[in-house]
Amino acid sequence: MKSNTKTLISFITFIISLFTSYFLGEIFYNSIDGTDFYRYFRYIEYFNGTVETPSREQGLFYFWFISNFIEFSQNYYLPDKWEYVYSTAIQFGNFLLT
């Protein structure tokens, strides 16, 4: 009984810390401001159909995965808020991958 209680408390603590760290990252970090965002932005454009070739061949699965979240977020897209939409999609995709 004591072991089950410890396990439950550990699990609840883990879930709370997981979501807390995700939401704090969402509030205080903008993925677009990352130093290499524009270097790899071409991959996202490739999977969205904007460009014909990504011109680099590394990590395509990750960018395909993230581009799916960006495409899903297009329903909530406002032209002046594209950075917020992209940042949120990137962080949510990263959250699911971890």
N, C-alpha and C. Protein backbone atom coordinates (compact mmCIF):
# COMPACT_ATOMS: atom_id res chain seq x y z
N MET A 1 0.83 -1.19 0.00
CA MET A 1 0.00 0.00 0.00
C MET A 1 0.87 1.26 0.00
N LYS A 2 1.93 1.25 0.82
CA LYS A 2 2.81 2.40 0.90
C LYS A 2 3.56 2.60 -0.42
N SER A 3 3.92 1.51 -1.07
CA SER A 3 4.61 1.59 -2.35
C SER A 3 3.71 2.18 -3.43
N ASN A 4 2.44 1.79 -3.43
CA ASN A 4 1.49 2.34 -4.41
C ASN A 4 1.29 3.84 -4.21
N THR A 5 1.24 4.27 -2.97
CA THR A 5 1.08 5.69 -2.67
C THR A 5 2.29 6.48 -3.15
N LYS A 6 3.50 5.94 -2.90
CA LYS A 6 4.72 6.60 -3.37
C LYS A 6 4.75 6.68 -4.89
N THR A 7 4.35 5.61 -5.53
CA THR A 7 4.32 5.59 -6.99
C THR A 7 3.33 6.61 -7.53
N LEU A 8 2.18 6.68 -6.93
CA LEU A 8 1.16 7.64 -7.36
C LEU A 8 1.62 9.08 -7.15
N ILE A 9 2.21 9.35 -6.01
CA ILE A 9 2.72 10.69 -5.73
C ILE A 9 3.83 11.05 -6.71
N SER A 10 4.72 10.11 -6.99
CA SER A 10 5.79 10.35 -7.96
C SER A 10 5.23 10.63 -9.34
N PHE A 11 4.24 9.87 -9.75
CA PHE A 11 3.63 10.05 -11.07
C PHE A 11 2.94 11.41 -11.17
N ILE A 12 2.19 11.78 -10.15
CA ILE A 12 1.50 13.08 -10.15
C ILE A 12 2.51 14.22 -10.16
N THR A 13 3.58 14.09 -9.39
CA THR A 13 4.62 15.11 -9.37
C THR A 13 5.27 15.23 -10.75
N PHE A 14 5.53 14.11 -11.38
CA PHE A 14 6.12 14.11 -12.72
C PHE A 14 5.21 14.82 -13.72
N ILE A 15 3.92 14.49 -13.73
CA ILE A 15 2.97 15.09 -14.66
C ILE A 15 2.86 16.60 -14.43
N ILE A 16 2.78 17.00 -13.18
CA ILE A 16 2.69 18.43 -12.86
C ILE A 16 3.94 19.17 -13.32
N SER A 17 5.12 18.60 -13.05
CA SER A 17 6.36 19.26 -13.46
C SER A 17 6.51 19.27 -14.98
N LEU A 18 6.03 18.22 -15.65
CA LEU A 18 6.10 18.17 -17.11
C LEU A 18 5.27 19.29 -17.73
N PHE A 19 4.03 19.42 -17.31
CA PHE A 19 3.17 20.45 -17.88
C PHE A 19 3.59 21.86 -17.44
N THR A 20 4.08 21.98 -16.22
CA THR A 20 4.55 23.29 -15.76
C THR A 20 5.73 23.76 -16.60
N SER A 21 6.68 22.87 -16.85
CA SER A 21 7.84 23.26 -17.66
C SER A 21 7.43 23.57 -19.10
N TYR A 22 6.46 22.83 -19.64
CA TYR A 22 5.97 23.13 -21.00
C TYR A 22 5.34 24.52 -21.05
N PHE A 23 4.45 24.81 -20.12
CA PHE A 23 3.76 26.10 -20.14
C PHE A 23 4.70 27.27 -19.84
N LEU A 24 5.67 27.08 -18.97
CA LEU A 24 6.65 28.13 -18.73
C LEU A 24 7.49 28.38 -19.97
N GLY A 25 7.87 27.32 -20.66
CA GLY A 25 8.59 27.48 -21.92
C GLY A 25 7.75 28.18 -22.96
N GLU A 26 6.48 27.86 -23.01
CA GLU A 26 5.56 28.49 -23.96
C GLU A 26 5.41 29.98 -23.67
N ILE A 27 5.39 30.34 -22.41
CA ILE A 27 5.20 31.74 -22.03
C ILE A 27 6.47 32.56 -22.24
N PHE A 28 7.63 32.02 -21.87
CA PHE A 28 8.84 32.82 -21.83
C PHE A 28 9.84 32.57 -22.95
N TYR A 29 9.58 31.64 -23.85
CA TYR A 29 10.55 31.37 -24.92
C TYR A 29 9.86 31.44 -26.27
N ASN A 30 10.46 32.16 -27.18
CA ASN A 30 9.96 32.26 -28.54
C ASN A 30 10.92 31.49 -29.45
N SER A 31 10.45 30.42 -30.05
CA SER A 31 11.30 29.58 -30.89
C SER A 31 11.84 30.32 -32.11
N ILE A 32 11.14 31.32 -32.56
CA ILE A 32 11.58 32.09 -33.72
C ILE A 32 12.85 32.87 -33.40
N ASP A 33 13.05 33.22 -32.16
CA ASP A 33 14.24 33.98 -31.76
C ASP A 33 15.48 33.10 -31.63
N GLY A 34 15.33 31.80 -31.82
CA GLY A 34 16.48 30.91 -31.75
C GLY A 34 17.49 31.25 -32.84
N THR A 35 18.76 31.01 -32.57
CA THR A 35 19.81 31.43 -33.50
C THR A 35 19.76 30.70 -34.83
N ASP A 36 19.23 29.50 -34.86
CA ASP A 36 19.25 28.73 -36.11
C ASP A 36 17.87 28.56 -36.74
N PHE A 37 16.87 29.30 -36.29
CA PHE A 37 15.52 29.12 -36.84
C PHE A 37 15.49 29.40 -38.33
N TYR A 38 16.02 30.52 -38.75
CA TYR A 38 15.94 30.89 -40.17
C TYR A 38 16.85 30.02 -41.03
N ARG A 39 17.84 29.41 -40.42
CA ARG A 39 18.69 28.48 -41.15
C ARG A 39 17.90 27.23 -41.54
N TYR A 40 17.03 26.76 -40.66
CA TYR A 40 16.26 25.55 -40.90
C TYR A 40 14.82 25.82 -41.33
N PHE A 41 14.45 27.07 -41.46
CA PHE A 41 13.08 27.43 -41.84
C PHE A 41 12.74 26.89 -43.23
N ARG A 42 13.75 26.74 -44.07
CA ARG A 42 13.53 26.23 -45.43
C ARG A 42 12.92 24.83 -45.41
N TYR A 43 13.24 24.02 -44.42
CA TYR A 43 12.64 22.69 -44.30
C TYR A 43 11.13 22.79 -44.08
N ILE A 44 10.73 23.69 -43.22
CA ILE A 44 9.30 23.87 -42.95
C ILE A 44 8.61 24.37 -44.21
N GLU A 45 9.26 25.30 -44.92
CA GLU A 45 8.69 25.78 -46.18
C GLU A 45 8.57 24.64 -47.19
N TYR A 46 9.54 23.74 -47.20
CA TYR A 46 9.51 22.61 -48.13
C TYR A 46 8.30 21.71 -47.85
N PHE A 47 8.07 21.39 -46.61
CA PHE A 47 6.94 20.51 -46.28
C PHE A 47 5.60 21.21 -46.37
N ASN A 48 5.60 22.53 -46.34
CA ASN A 48 4.36 23.27 -46.56
C ASN A 48 4.10 23.51 -48.04
N GLY A 49 5.07 23.17 -48.90
CA GLY A 49 4.89 23.31 -50.34
C GLY A 49 5.31 24.65 -50.89
N THR A 50 5.97 25.47 -50.11
CA THR A 50 6.39 26.79 -50.57
C THR A 50 7.61 26.73 -51.47
N VAL A 51 8.55 25.85 -51.17
CA VAL A 51 9.75 25.68 -52.00
C VAL A 51 9.81 24.24 -52.49
N GLU A 52 10.57 24.02 -53.58
CA GLU A 52 10.61 22.69 -54.20
C GLU A 52 11.64 21.75 -53.58
N THR A 53 12.73 22.29 -53.08
CA THR A 53 13.75 21.44 -52.45
C THR A 53 14.19 22.08 -51.13
N PRO A 54 14.51 21.26 -50.15
CA PRO A 54 14.97 21.82 -48.88
C PRO A 54 16.42 22.28 -48.93
N SER A 55 17.18 21.85 -49.94
CA SER A 55 18.58 22.20 -50.18
C SER A 55 19.54 21.67 -49.12
N ARG A 56 19.04 20.98 -48.14
CA ARG A 56 19.86 20.29 -47.14
C ARG A 56 19.17 18.98 -46.84
N GLU A 57 19.94 17.99 -46.49
CA GLU A 57 19.34 16.68 -46.21
C GLU A 57 19.71 16.22 -44.82
N GLN A 58 19.10 16.81 -43.83
CA GLN A 58 19.33 16.35 -42.46
C GLN A 58 18.07 16.53 -41.65
N GLY A 59 17.75 15.55 -40.85
CA GLY A 59 16.63 15.65 -39.93
C GLY A 59 15.28 15.90 -40.55
N LEU A 60 15.00 15.28 -41.68
CA LEU A 60 13.76 15.57 -42.39
C LEU A 60 12.52 15.14 -41.61
N PHE A 61 12.62 14.04 -40.88
CA PHE A 61 11.44 13.59 -40.12
C PHE A 61 11.02 14.64 -39.11
N TYR A 62 11.96 15.22 -38.40
CA TYR A 62 11.63 16.23 -37.39
C TYR A 62 10.90 17.41 -38.03
N PHE A 63 11.40 17.90 -39.14
CA PHE A 63 10.79 19.07 -39.77
C PHE A 63 9.44 18.72 -40.40
N TRP A 64 9.29 17.50 -40.89
CA TRP A 64 7.99 17.06 -41.38
C TRP A 64 6.99 17.03 -40.22
N PHE A 65 7.42 16.52 -39.09
CA PHE A 65 6.57 16.44 -37.90
C PHE A 65 6.14 17.83 -37.45
N ILE A 66 7.09 18.75 -37.37
CA ILE A 66 6.79 20.12 -36.95
C ILE A 66 5.90 20.82 -37.97
N SER A 67 6.14 20.59 -39.25
CA SER A 67 5.32 21.24 -40.28
C SER A 67 3.87 20.78 -40.22
N ASN A 68 3.64 19.56 -39.77
CA ASN A 68 2.25 19.10 -39.58
C ASN A 68 1.55 19.91 -38.50
N PHE A 69 2.24 20.23 -37.43
CA PHE A 69 1.64 21.05 -36.38
C PHE A 69 1.41 22.48 -36.86
N ILE A 70 2.32 22.98 -37.67
CA ILE A 70 2.14 24.33 -38.22
C ILE A 70 0.95 24.34 -39.16
N GLU A 71 0.83 23.31 -39.99
CA GLU A 71 -0.31 23.22 -40.91
C GLU A 71 -1.63 23.15 -40.14
N PHE A 72 -1.65 22.38 -39.07
CA PHE A 72 -2.85 22.30 -38.24
C PHE A 72 -3.17 23.65 -37.62
N SER A 73 -2.13 24.40 -37.26
CA SER A 73 -2.32 25.71 -36.63
C SER A 73 -2.76 26.79 -37.61
N GLN A 74 -2.71 26.50 -38.90
CA GLN A 74 -3.09 27.50 -39.90
C GLN A 74 -4.54 27.93 -39.75
N ASN A 75 -5.38 27.10 -39.12
CA ASN A 75 -6.77 27.49 -38.89
C ASN A 75 -6.86 28.69 -37.95
N TYR A 76 -5.83 28.87 -37.13
CA TYR A 76 -5.81 29.96 -36.17
C TYR A 76 -4.82 31.04 -36.58
N TYR A 77 -4.45 31.02 -37.83
CA TYR A 77 -3.40 31.90 -38.34
C TYR A 77 -3.91 33.31 -38.57
N LEU A 78 -3.18 34.26 -38.03
CA LEU A 78 -3.40 35.67 -38.31
C LEU A 78 -2.11 36.21 -38.91
N PRO A 79 -2.17 36.94 -40.00
CA PRO A 79 -0.93 37.38 -40.67
C PRO A 79 0.06 38.08 -39.75
N ASP A 80 -0.40 38.85 -38.82
CA ASP A 80 0.54 39.56 -37.95
C ASP A 80 0.98 38.71 -36.76
N LYS A 81 0.48 37.50 -36.62
CA LYS A 81 0.83 36.62 -35.50
C LYS A 81 1.52 35.34 -35.96
N TRP A 82 2.11 35.32 -37.16
CA TRP A 82 2.69 34.09 -37.69
C TRP A 82 3.82 33.59 -36.80
N GLU A 83 4.59 34.49 -36.19
CA GLU A 83 5.69 34.05 -35.32
C GLU A 83 5.16 33.31 -34.11
N TYR A 84 4.07 33.78 -33.54
CA TYR A 84 3.46 33.11 -32.39
C TYR A 84 2.95 31.73 -32.79
N VAL A 85 2.29 31.63 -33.94
CA VAL A 85 1.76 30.35 -34.40
C VAL A 85 2.89 29.36 -34.63
N TYR A 86 3.95 29.79 -35.31
CA TYR A 86 5.08 28.90 -35.57
C TYR A 86 5.77 28.49 -34.27
N SER A 87 6.00 29.44 -33.38
CA SER A 87 6.67 29.13 -32.12
C SER A 87 5.86 28.13 -31.30
N THR A 88 4.56 28.34 -31.22
CA THR A 88 3.69 27.44 -30.47
C THR A 88 3.69 26.04 -31.08
N ALA A 89 3.62 25.97 -32.40
CA ALA A 89 3.62 24.67 -33.08
C ALA A 89 4.94 23.95 -32.86
N ILE A 90 6.04 24.66 -32.93
CA ILE A 90 7.36 24.05 -32.72
C ILE A 90 7.48 23.53 -31.29
N GLN A 91 7.06 24.33 -30.33
CA GLN A 91 7.19 23.90 -28.94
C GLN A 91 6.26 22.74 -28.60
N PHE A 92 5.06 22.74 -29.17
CA PHE A 92 4.16 21.62 -28.91
C PHE A 92 4.67 20.34 -29.56
N GLY A 93 5.20 20.45 -30.77
CA GLY A 93 5.80 19.29 -31.43
C GLY A 93 6.98 18.75 -30.64
N ASN A 94 7.83 19.64 -30.14
CA ASN A 94 8.96 19.22 -29.31
C ASN A 94 8.49 18.57 -28.02
N PHE A 95 7.43 19.10 -27.46
CA PHE A 95 6.86 18.53 -26.23
C PHE A 95 6.41 17.09 -26.46
N LEU A 96 5.75 16.85 -27.58
CA LEU A 96 5.28 15.49 -27.87
C LEU A 96 6.42 14.54 -28.21
N LEU A 97 7.50 15.06 -28.77
CA LEU A 97 8.64 14.20 -29.10
C LEU A 97 9.45 13.81 -27.87
N THR A 98 9.36 14.59 -26.80
CA THR A 98 10.17 14.27 -25.62
C THR A 98 9.45 13.40 -24.70
